[in-house]
N, C-alpha and C. Protein backbone atom coordinates (compact mmCIF):
# COMPACT_ATOMS: atom_id res chain seq x y z
N MET A 1 -9.71 1.26 -10.18
CA MET A 1 -9.84 0.12 -8.73
C MET A 1 -10.59 1.65 -7.90
N GLU A 2 -10.42 0.97 -6.84
CA GLU A 2 -11.27 2.69 -5.71
C GLU A 2 -10.07 3.24 -6.03
N GLY A 3 -9.48 4.62 -5.72
CA GLY A 3 -8.42 5.87 -5.57
C GLY A 3 -7.74 6.05 -6.51
N ASP A 4 -8.02 5.10 -7.62
CA ASP A 4 -7.05 5.51 -8.97
C ASP A 4 -7.75 6.53 -9.97
N SER A 5 -6.90 7.22 -10.94
CA SER A 5 -7.63 7.95 -11.94
C SER A 5 -8.18 7.58 -13.26
N VAL A 6 -9.04 8.09 -13.94
CA VAL A 6 -9.76 7.14 -14.89
C VAL A 6 -9.71 8.53 -16.05
N THR A 7 -8.82 8.27 -17.15
CA THR A 7 -9.35 9.13 -18.37
C THR A 7 -10.32 8.39 -18.98
N LEU A 8 -11.42 9.63 -19.45
CA LEU A 8 -12.22 9.25 -20.72
C LEU A 8 -12.01 9.66 -22.29
N HIS A 9 -11.84 9.21 -22.79
CA HIS A 9 -11.58 9.96 -24.42
C HIS A 9 -12.69 9.91 -25.29
N THR A 10 -12.19 11.23 -25.77
CA THR A 10 -13.58 11.71 -26.80
C THR A 10 -13.54 10.72 -28.03
N GLY A 11 -11.56 10.29 -28.48
CA GLY A 11 -10.87 10.18 -29.79
C GLY A 11 -10.98 11.03 -30.67
N LEU A 12 -10.65 12.56 -30.14
CA LEU A 12 -10.26 13.61 -30.87
C LEU A 12 -9.05 13.74 -30.38
N THR A 13 -7.64 14.47 -31.53
CA THR A 13 -6.42 14.88 -31.13
C THR A 13 -6.52 16.29 -30.92
N GLU A 14 -7.36 16.60 -31.44
CA GLU A 14 -7.42 18.79 -31.09
C GLU A 14 -8.71 19.27 -31.04
N ILE A 15 -9.49 19.91 -30.51
CA ILE A 15 -10.57 20.87 -30.54
C ILE A 15 -10.39 22.30 -31.18
N GLN A 16 -11.24 22.35 -32.00
CA GLN A 16 -11.00 23.51 -32.78
C GLN A 16 -11.84 24.70 -31.78
N ARG A 17 -12.04 25.15 -30.72
CA ARG A 17 -12.93 25.80 -29.93
C ARG A 17 -13.75 26.96 -30.45
N ASP A 18 -13.68 27.12 -31.67
CA ASP A 18 -14.23 28.36 -32.31
C ASP A 18 -15.35 27.82 -32.73
N LYS A 19 -15.65 25.63 -32.94
CA LYS A 19 -16.62 25.25 -33.55
C LYS A 19 -16.87 24.48 -32.75
N PHE A 20 -16.60 23.95 -31.78
CA PHE A 20 -16.95 22.70 -30.71
C PHE A 20 -17.20 23.20 -29.44
N SER A 21 -17.75 22.74 -29.04
CA SER A 21 -18.33 22.62 -27.54
C SER A 21 -18.47 21.20 -27.15
N ILE A 22 -18.30 20.71 -26.00
CA ILE A 22 -18.10 19.60 -25.42
C ILE A 22 -18.97 19.50 -23.96
N GLN A 23 -19.71 18.68 -23.66
CA GLN A 23 -20.24 18.24 -22.64
C GLN A 23 -20.04 16.81 -22.27
N TRP A 24 -19.78 17.20 -20.76
CA TRP A 24 -20.00 15.42 -20.26
C TRP A 24 -20.87 15.52 -19.23
N MET A 25 -21.58 14.25 -19.38
CA MET A 25 -22.71 13.88 -18.49
C MET A 25 -22.63 13.02 -17.30
N PHE A 26 -23.09 12.83 -16.10
CA PHE A 26 -23.12 11.61 -15.94
C PHE A 26 -24.20 11.27 -15.28
N GLY A 27 -25.05 10.13 -15.64
CA GLY A 27 -26.47 9.93 -15.78
C GLY A 27 -27.30 11.13 -16.33
N ASP A 28 -28.44 12.27 -15.79
CA ASP A 28 -28.97 12.79 -16.13
C ASP A 28 -27.97 14.38 -15.82
N ARG A 29 -27.12 14.59 -15.28
CA ARG A 29 -26.17 15.34 -14.85
C ARG A 29 -25.23 15.93 -16.03
N LEU A 30 -25.18 17.41 -16.07
CA LEU A 30 -23.39 17.75 -16.33
C LEU A 30 -22.72 17.77 -15.61
N ILE A 31 -21.66 17.40 -16.16
CA ILE A 31 -20.86 17.25 -14.74
C ILE A 31 -19.23 18.22 -15.61
N ALA A 32 -19.33 18.70 -16.31
CA ALA A 32 -18.04 19.21 -16.76
C ALA A 32 -18.40 19.61 -18.41
N GLU A 33 -18.38 20.43 -18.97
CA GLU A 33 -18.02 21.52 -20.30
C GLU A 33 -17.01 22.16 -20.49
N ILE A 34 -17.22 22.44 -22.21
CA ILE A 34 -16.03 23.91 -22.77
C ILE A 34 -17.28 24.37 -23.42
N PRO A 35 -17.30 25.27 -23.05
CA PRO A 35 -18.40 25.68 -24.55
C PRO A 35 -18.17 26.19 -25.61
N LYS A 36 -18.47 26.72 -26.58
CA LYS A 36 -17.52 27.48 -27.80
C LYS A 36 -16.80 28.53 -28.06
N LYS A 37 -15.55 28.58 -28.28
CA LYS A 37 -14.60 29.65 -27.81
C LYS A 37 -14.34 30.34 -26.29
N GLN A 38 -14.21 29.15 -25.22
CA GLN A 38 -14.01 29.61 -24.08
C GLN A 38 -12.42 29.00 -23.60
N LYS A 39 -12.17 28.77 -23.18
CA LYS A 39 -10.70 28.07 -23.29
C LYS A 39 -10.49 27.54 -21.76
N GLN A 40 -11.39 27.69 -20.79
CA GLN A 40 -11.76 27.01 -19.52
C GLN A 40 -13.24 26.48 -19.56
N PHE A 41 -13.16 25.78 -18.60
CA PHE A 41 -14.14 24.54 -18.64
C PHE A 41 -14.39 24.67 -16.89
N ASN A 42 -16.23 24.56 -17.27
CA ASN A 42 -17.21 24.39 -15.78
C ASN A 42 -17.38 23.02 -15.22
N GLU A 43 -17.21 22.89 -14.10
CA GLU A 43 -17.41 21.64 -13.65
C GLU A 43 -18.52 21.89 -12.59
N SER A 44 -20.18 21.47 -13.02
CA SER A 44 -21.21 21.87 -12.88
C SER A 44 -21.85 20.62 -12.05
N ASP A 45 -21.25 19.61 -11.21
CA ASP A 45 -21.61 18.89 -10.29
C ASP A 45 -20.63 18.91 -8.64
N GLY A 46 -21.44 18.90 -8.07
CA GLY A 46 -20.41 18.90 -6.55
C GLY A 46 -20.53 17.70 -6.64
N LYS A 47 -20.73 16.70 -7.23
CA LYS A 47 -20.35 15.32 -6.37
C LYS A 47 -18.87 14.93 -6.77
N PHE A 48 -17.80 15.87 -7.48
CA PHE A 48 -16.79 15.55 -8.67
C PHE A 48 -15.85 16.42 -7.87
N SER A 49 -16.21 17.72 -6.57
CA SER A 49 -16.32 18.42 -6.27
C SER A 49 -14.21 18.43 -6.68
N GLY A 50 -13.26 18.98 -7.47
CA GLY A 50 -11.88 19.10 -7.41
C GLY A 50 -11.72 17.76 -7.78
N ARG A 51 -11.97 16.89 -8.55
CA ARG A 51 -11.89 15.83 -8.93
C ARG A 51 -11.94 15.60 -10.25
N LEU A 52 -11.85 16.58 -11.08
CA LEU A 52 -12.33 16.64 -12.36
C LEU A 52 -11.25 17.23 -12.85
N LYS A 53 -10.38 16.81 -14.55
CA LYS A 53 -9.92 17.86 -14.59
C LYS A 53 -10.09 16.80 -16.74
N LEU A 54 -10.45 18.64 -16.96
CA LEU A 54 -10.34 18.41 -18.67
C LEU A 54 -9.57 18.59 -19.41
N ASP A 55 -9.28 18.22 -20.53
CA ASP A 55 -7.86 18.56 -21.29
C ASP A 55 -8.08 19.51 -22.23
N ASN A 56 -8.06 20.70 -22.19
CA ASN A 56 -8.85 21.53 -23.54
C ASN A 56 -8.73 21.67 -24.54
N GLN A 57 -7.34 20.86 -25.30
CA GLN A 57 -7.05 20.60 -26.12
C GLN A 57 -8.24 19.32 -26.75
N THR A 58 -8.10 18.02 -26.06
CA THR A 58 -8.59 17.11 -26.63
C THR A 58 -10.20 16.56 -26.16
N GLY A 59 -10.57 17.47 -24.94
CA GLY A 59 -11.65 17.20 -24.52
C GLY A 59 -11.31 16.02 -23.56
N TYR A 60 -10.37 15.43 -23.58
CA TYR A 60 -9.97 14.03 -22.33
C TYR A 60 -10.43 14.36 -20.90
N LEU A 61 -12.11 13.80 -20.42
CA LEU A 61 -12.00 13.99 -18.77
C LEU A 61 -11.27 12.93 -18.25
N ASN A 62 -10.78 13.63 -17.36
CA ASN A 62 -10.11 13.33 -16.34
C ASN A 62 -10.58 12.98 -15.00
N ILE A 63 -10.73 11.79 -14.21
CA ILE A 63 -11.73 11.96 -12.89
C ILE A 63 -10.39 11.14 -12.13
N THR A 64 -9.88 11.77 -11.12
CA THR A 64 -8.34 11.03 -10.20
C THR A 64 -9.66 11.00 -8.25
N ASN A 65 -8.57 10.14 -7.52
CA ASN A 65 -9.92 9.79 -6.61
C ASN A 65 -11.18 9.06 -6.95
N ILE A 66 -10.73 7.86 -7.46
CA ILE A 66 -12.11 7.64 -8.37
C ILE A 66 -12.99 6.85 -7.50
N ARG A 67 -14.14 6.67 -7.01
CA ARG A 67 -14.89 6.29 -5.98
C ARG A 67 -15.69 5.19 -6.73
N THR A 68 -16.21 3.86 -5.99
CA THR A 68 -17.70 3.10 -6.70
C THR A 68 -18.71 3.66 -7.15
N THR A 69 -18.72 5.35 -6.10
CA THR A 69 -20.13 5.91 -6.86
C THR A 69 -20.03 6.43 -7.75
N ASP A 70 -19.08 6.33 -8.33
CA ASP A 70 -18.79 6.70 -9.70
C ASP A 70 -19.06 5.75 -10.74
N SER A 71 -19.22 4.87 -10.28
CA SER A 71 -20.01 3.85 -11.58
C SER A 71 -20.95 4.29 -11.93
N GLY A 72 -20.31 3.85 -13.64
CA GLY A 72 -22.31 4.01 -14.32
C GLY A 72 -21.65 4.36 -15.52
N ASP A 73 -22.74 5.39 -16.59
CA ASP A 73 -22.65 5.65 -17.67
C ASP A 73 -22.39 7.10 -18.10
N TYR A 74 -20.95 7.48 -18.79
CA TYR A 74 -20.69 8.90 -18.60
C TYR A 74 -21.15 9.21 -20.14
N GLU A 75 -21.55 9.96 -20.51
CA GLU A 75 -22.17 10.33 -22.31
C GLU A 75 -21.34 12.14 -22.21
N LEU A 76 -20.33 11.62 -23.42
CA LEU A 76 -20.00 12.54 -23.71
C LEU A 76 -20.85 12.85 -25.37
N GLN A 77 -20.64 14.80 -25.58
CA GLN A 77 -21.57 15.38 -26.80
C GLN A 77 -20.93 16.25 -27.16
N ILE A 78 -20.11 16.20 -28.55
CA ILE A 78 -19.53 17.21 -29.31
C ILE A 78 -20.17 17.92 -30.12
N SER A 79 -20.68 19.11 -30.23
CA SER A 79 -21.51 19.80 -30.43
C SER A 79 -20.47 20.85 -31.78
N SER A 80 -20.76 20.93 -33.18
CA SER A 80 -21.00 21.87 -33.72
C SER A 80 -22.38 22.85 -34.10
N SER A 81 -22.02 23.82 -34.76
CA SER A 81 -23.18 24.16 -35.71
C SER A 81 -23.87 23.11 -36.87
N ASN A 82 -22.73 22.04 -37.22
CA ASN A 82 -23.38 21.34 -38.37
C ASN A 82 -24.02 19.74 -38.05
N TYR A 83 -23.04 19.46 -37.18
CA TYR A 83 -23.51 18.01 -36.31
C TYR A 83 -23.55 17.59 -35.23
N THR A 84 -23.53 16.77 -34.50
CA THR A 84 -23.20 16.57 -32.74
C THR A 84 -23.54 14.95 -32.94
N ILE A 85 -22.02 14.69 -31.92
CA ILE A 85 -21.54 13.47 -31.86
C ILE A 85 -21.95 12.67 -30.46
N ASN A 86 -22.54 11.93 -30.09
CA ASN A 86 -22.83 11.69 -28.69
C ASN A 86 -21.95 9.98 -28.51
N ARG A 87 -21.90 10.07 -27.59
CA ARG A 87 -20.90 8.39 -27.33
C ARG A 87 -21.15 8.68 -25.78
N ARG A 88 -21.57 7.75 -25.21
CA ARG A 88 -21.38 6.25 -23.73
C ARG A 88 -20.18 5.66 -23.75
N ILE A 89 -19.94 6.13 -22.48
CA ILE A 89 -18.59 5.30 -21.92
C ILE A 89 -18.94 4.52 -20.90
N ASN A 90 -18.87 3.27 -20.35
CA ASN A 90 -19.68 2.83 -19.28
C ASN A 90 -17.76 2.44 -18.29
N VAL A 91 -18.39 3.33 -16.91
CA VAL A 91 -16.88 3.54 -16.42
C VAL A 91 -17.60 2.11 -14.94
N THR A 92 -16.40 1.48 -14.32
CA THR A 92 -16.80 0.42 -13.35
C THR A 92 -15.87 0.71 -12.34
N VAL A 93 -16.06 1.23 -11.16
CA VAL A 93 -15.35 1.08 -10.40
C VAL A 93 -15.39 0.18 -8.89
N THR A 94 -14.44 -0.79 -9.07
CA THR A 94 -14.48 -1.73 -7.92
C THR A 94 -13.61 -1.21 -6.64
N GLY A 95 -13.95 -2.00 -5.21
CA GLY A 95 -13.37 -1.51 -4.55
C GLY A 95 -11.74 -1.79 -4.28
N SER A 96 -10.83 -1.59 -3.54
CA SER A 96 -9.84 -1.58 -3.48
C SER A 96 -9.23 -2.80 -2.53
N GLY A 97 -10.17 -3.29 -2.31
CA GLY A 97 -9.75 -5.26 -1.71
C GLY A 97 -9.86 -5.00 -0.13
N LEU A 98 -9.06 -5.31 0.22
CA LEU A 98 -9.59 -4.89 2.47
C LEU A 98 -9.58 -4.10 2.72
N SER A 99 -10.54 -3.55 3.27
CA SER A 99 -10.54 -2.62 4.04
C SER A 99 -9.34 -2.41 5.06
N PRO A 100 -9.47 -0.84 5.28
CA PRO A 100 -8.35 -0.44 6.40
C PRO A 100 -7.89 -1.64 7.74
N GLY A 101 -9.32 -1.83 8.17
CA GLY A 101 -9.39 -2.39 9.85
C GLY A 101 -8.55 -4.08 9.62
N ALA A 102 -9.01 -4.47 8.56
CA ALA A 102 -8.40 -5.86 8.19
C ALA A 102 -6.77 -5.63 7.98
N VAL A 103 -6.36 -4.43 7.21
CA VAL A 103 -5.14 -4.68 6.78
C VAL A 103 -4.27 -4.52 8.17
N ALA A 104 -5.29 -3.56 9.27
CA ALA A 104 -4.50 -3.21 10.43
C ALA A 104 -4.02 -4.31 11.97
N GLY A 105 -5.13 -5.21 11.32
CA GLY A 105 -5.51 -6.21 12.03
C GLY A 105 -4.30 -7.65 11.92
N ILE A 106 -4.21 -7.52 10.40
CA ILE A 106 -3.07 -8.32 9.68
C ILE A 106 -1.17 -7.74 9.96
N VAL A 107 -1.41 -6.38 10.44
CA VAL A 107 0.03 -5.77 10.81
C VAL A 107 0.29 -6.25 12.11
N VAL A 108 -1.25 -6.17 12.82
CA VAL A 108 -0.55 -6.46 14.16
C VAL A 108 -0.23 -7.94 14.64
N VAL A 109 -0.88 -9.15 13.86
CA VAL A 109 -1.08 -10.12 13.88
C VAL A 109 0.55 -10.13 13.32
N VAL A 110 0.74 -10.47 12.22
CA VAL A 110 2.58 -10.27 12.01
C VAL A 110 3.40 -9.53 13.01
N VAL A 111 3.08 -8.98 13.45
CA VAL A 111 4.02 -8.21 14.56
C VAL A 111 4.01 -9.13 15.67
N LEU A 112 2.76 -9.31 16.36
CA LEU A 112 2.93 -10.03 17.51
C LEU A 112 3.53 -11.38 17.07
N LEU A 113 3.69 -11.96 16.03
CA LEU A 113 4.48 -13.01 15.84
C LEU A 113 6.00 -13.03 15.83
N VAL A 114 6.29 -11.57 14.87
CA VAL A 114 7.90 -11.75 14.95
C VAL A 114 8.05 -11.39 16.13
N ALA A 115 7.30 -10.33 17.45
CA ALA A 115 8.12 -10.29 18.80
C ALA A 115 7.87 -11.76 19.32
N ALA A 116 6.99 -12.44 19.22
CA ALA A 116 7.23 -13.77 19.78
C ALA A 116 8.25 -14.45 19.15
N ALA A 117 8.50 -14.53 17.75
CA ALA A 117 9.84 -15.53 17.10
C ALA A 117 11.00 -15.21 18.02
N ALA A 118 11.08 -13.55 18.12
CA ALA A 118 12.47 -12.93 18.60
C ALA A 118 12.40 -13.28 20.30
N ALA A 119 11.36 -13.12 20.83
CA ALA A 119 11.33 -13.43 22.18
C ALA A 119 11.47 -14.58 22.64
N ALA A 120 11.43 -15.92 21.84
CA ALA A 120 11.19 -17.11 21.64
C ALA A 120 13.18 -17.50 21.45
N VAL A 121 13.66 -16.76 20.67
CA VAL A 121 15.55 -17.42 20.66
C VAL A 121 16.13 -16.61 21.55
N VAL A 122 15.45 -15.27 21.85
CA VAL A 122 16.61 -14.70 22.91
C VAL A 122 16.36 -15.68 24.11
N ILE A 123 15.51 -16.09 24.77
CA ILE A 123 15.03 -17.75 26.03
C ILE A 123 15.85 -18.68 25.79
N TYR A 124 15.72 -19.17 24.42
CA TYR A 124 16.70 -19.99 23.98
C TYR A 124 18.35 -20.13 24.05
N TYR A 125 18.36 -18.63 23.94
CA TYR A 125 20.12 -18.54 24.05
C TYR A 125 20.54 -18.93 25.07
N CYS A 126 20.13 -17.40 25.63
CA CYS A 126 19.52 -16.76 27.25
C CYS A 126 20.06 -18.31 28.11
N HIS A 127 19.28 -19.53 28.03
CA HIS A 127 18.92 -20.63 29.02
C HIS A 127 20.28 -21.20 28.59
N LYS A 128 21.23 -21.60 27.17
CA LYS A 128 21.83 -21.84 26.74
C LYS A 128 23.29 -21.66 26.92
N ILE A 129 23.33 -20.41 27.30
CA ILE A 129 24.47 -20.50 27.70
C ILE A 129 24.28 -19.97 29.09
N CYS A 130 23.20 -19.72 29.78
CA CYS A 130 23.80 -20.01 31.48
C CYS A 130 24.21 -21.35 31.69
N LYS A 131 23.66 -22.29 31.01
CA LYS A 131 23.41 -24.01 31.10
C LYS A 131 24.54 -23.98 31.22
N LEU A 132 25.28 -23.68 30.28
CA LEU A 132 26.86 -23.92 29.72
C LEU A 132 27.71 -22.89 30.67
N GLY A 133 27.27 -21.51 30.67
CA GLY A 133 28.39 -21.03 32.17
C GLY A 133 28.06 -22.01 33.18
N SER A 134 26.99 -22.04 33.79
CA SER A 134 27.38 -22.28 35.20
C SER A 134 27.88 -23.98 35.14
N GLY A 135 27.90 -24.62 34.20
CA GLY A 135 28.12 -26.16 34.09
C GLY A 135 29.47 -26.28 33.99
N GLY A 136 30.18 -25.46 33.36
CA GLY A 136 31.59 -25.71 33.09
C GLY A 136 32.33 -24.96 33.98
N GLN A 137 31.85 -23.86 35.38
CA GLN A 137 32.62 -23.51 36.00
C GLN A 137 32.84 -24.55 37.27
N GLU A 138 31.30 -25.20 37.60
CA GLU A 138 31.54 -26.24 38.61
C GLU A 138 32.14 -27.84 38.58
N ASN A 139 32.08 -27.83 37.06
CA ASN A 139 33.17 -28.78 36.56
C ASN A 139 34.72 -28.29 36.88
N GLY A 140 34.92 -27.58 36.39
CA GLY A 140 36.81 -27.16 36.47
C GLY A 140 37.22 -26.82 38.10
N GLN A 141 36.22 -26.17 38.42
CA GLN A 141 36.71 -25.71 40.29
C GLN A 141 36.55 -27.25 40.64
N ASN A 142 35.70 -27.63 40.65
CA ASN A 142 35.78 -29.50 41.83
C ASN A 142 37.00 -30.11 41.04
N HIS A 143 37.33 -29.75 39.77
CA HIS A 143 38.46 -30.75 38.80
C HIS A 143 39.86 -30.22 40.12
N GLN A 144 39.79 -28.63 39.79
CA GLN A 144 40.76 -28.30 41.05
C GLN A 144 41.29 -28.17 42.06
N ASN A 145 40.09 -28.24 43.07
CA ASN A 145 39.90 -28.55 44.47
C ASN A 145 40.32 -29.50 44.90
N GLN A 146 40.10 -30.76 43.89
CA GLN A 146 39.87 -32.13 44.43
C GLN A 146 41.18 -32.56 45.55
N HIS A 147 41.51 -32.83 46.63
CA HIS A 147 42.89 -32.91 47.07
C HIS A 147 42.39 -33.99 48.28
N THR A 148 43.66 -34.79 48.28
CA THR A 148 43.36 -35.59 49.14
C THR A 148 44.31 -36.41 50.25
N ASP A 149 44.39 -36.88 51.24
CA ASP A 149 45.15 -36.85 52.44
C ASP A 149 46.27 -38.29 51.92
N ASP A 150 46.17 -38.96 50.29
CA ASP A 150 46.51 -39.75 50.71
C ASP A 150 48.04 -39.46 49.47
N PRO A 151 49.03 -40.28 50.56
CA PRO A 151 50.48 -39.73 50.04
C PRO A 151 50.45 -40.20 48.29
N ALA A 152 50.72 -41.28 47.71
CA ALA A 152 50.43 -41.84 46.63
C ALA A 152 50.23 -40.91 45.69
N ASN A 153 49.01 -39.99 45.90
CA ASN A 153 47.75 -39.34 45.26
C ASN A 153 49.07 -38.03 44.89
N GLU A 154 49.62 -38.01 45.97
CA GLU A 154 50.31 -36.44 46.25
C GLU A 154 51.70 -36.16 45.29
N LYS A 155 52.52 -37.71 45.80
CA LYS A 155 53.35 -37.95 44.63
C LYS A 155 52.87 -37.82 42.66
N THR A 156 51.87 -38.43 42.69
CA THR A 156 51.47 -38.43 41.35
C THR A 156 51.51 -36.98 40.87
N GLU A 157 50.63 -36.07 41.93
CA GLU A 157 50.21 -34.76 41.61
C GLU A 157 51.74 -34.17 41.25
N LEU A 158 52.45 -34.15 42.08
CA LEU A 158 54.17 -33.65 41.93
C LEU A 158 54.58 -33.94 40.95
N ALA A 159 54.75 -35.20 40.68
CA ALA A 159 54.70 -36.05 39.43
C ALA A 159 54.26 -34.59 38.25
N ASN A 160 53.13 -35.00 38.23
CA ASN A 160 52.48 -34.19 37.03
C ASN A 160 52.87 -32.66 37.22
N ARG A 161 52.90 -31.98 38.13
CA ARG A 161 53.02 -30.96 37.63
C ARG A 161 54.79 -30.42 37.41
N SER A 162 55.40 -31.08 37.99
CA SER A 162 56.79 -30.92 37.43
C SER A 162 57.30 -31.24 35.77
């Protein structure tokens, strides 16, 4: 997957540097090597600049932050004075899926939906509270302020208050 790291294995557990040299090729270009008797590796190709790590003990090649353009055949050559071993490894790098623009678009839509839902809830409860608040006060005031000049009602009200 694009952006990941990949390790290409030699099949060796340890290299005797005084007897072997290792070369990694991509296509027809030498990208890394450990010459005989040398403890460091040489990175020969700018395409992988800073993204290659060669294990000095095993010859494993690690490619970091791999790209789709890194897909293809990698060829390993392990040489000694007596023989040469060639090994080909095919690497296929797939894209990461959604583009950054698509991810940003999805995030914006989700944020807008959450904001709209929150606004709807706030409006609903504000409307409900306002309706209850004004309706409750009017009914209570009307009931308490009712007064007539009818003497029968005054006697009933006085009896109820006592």
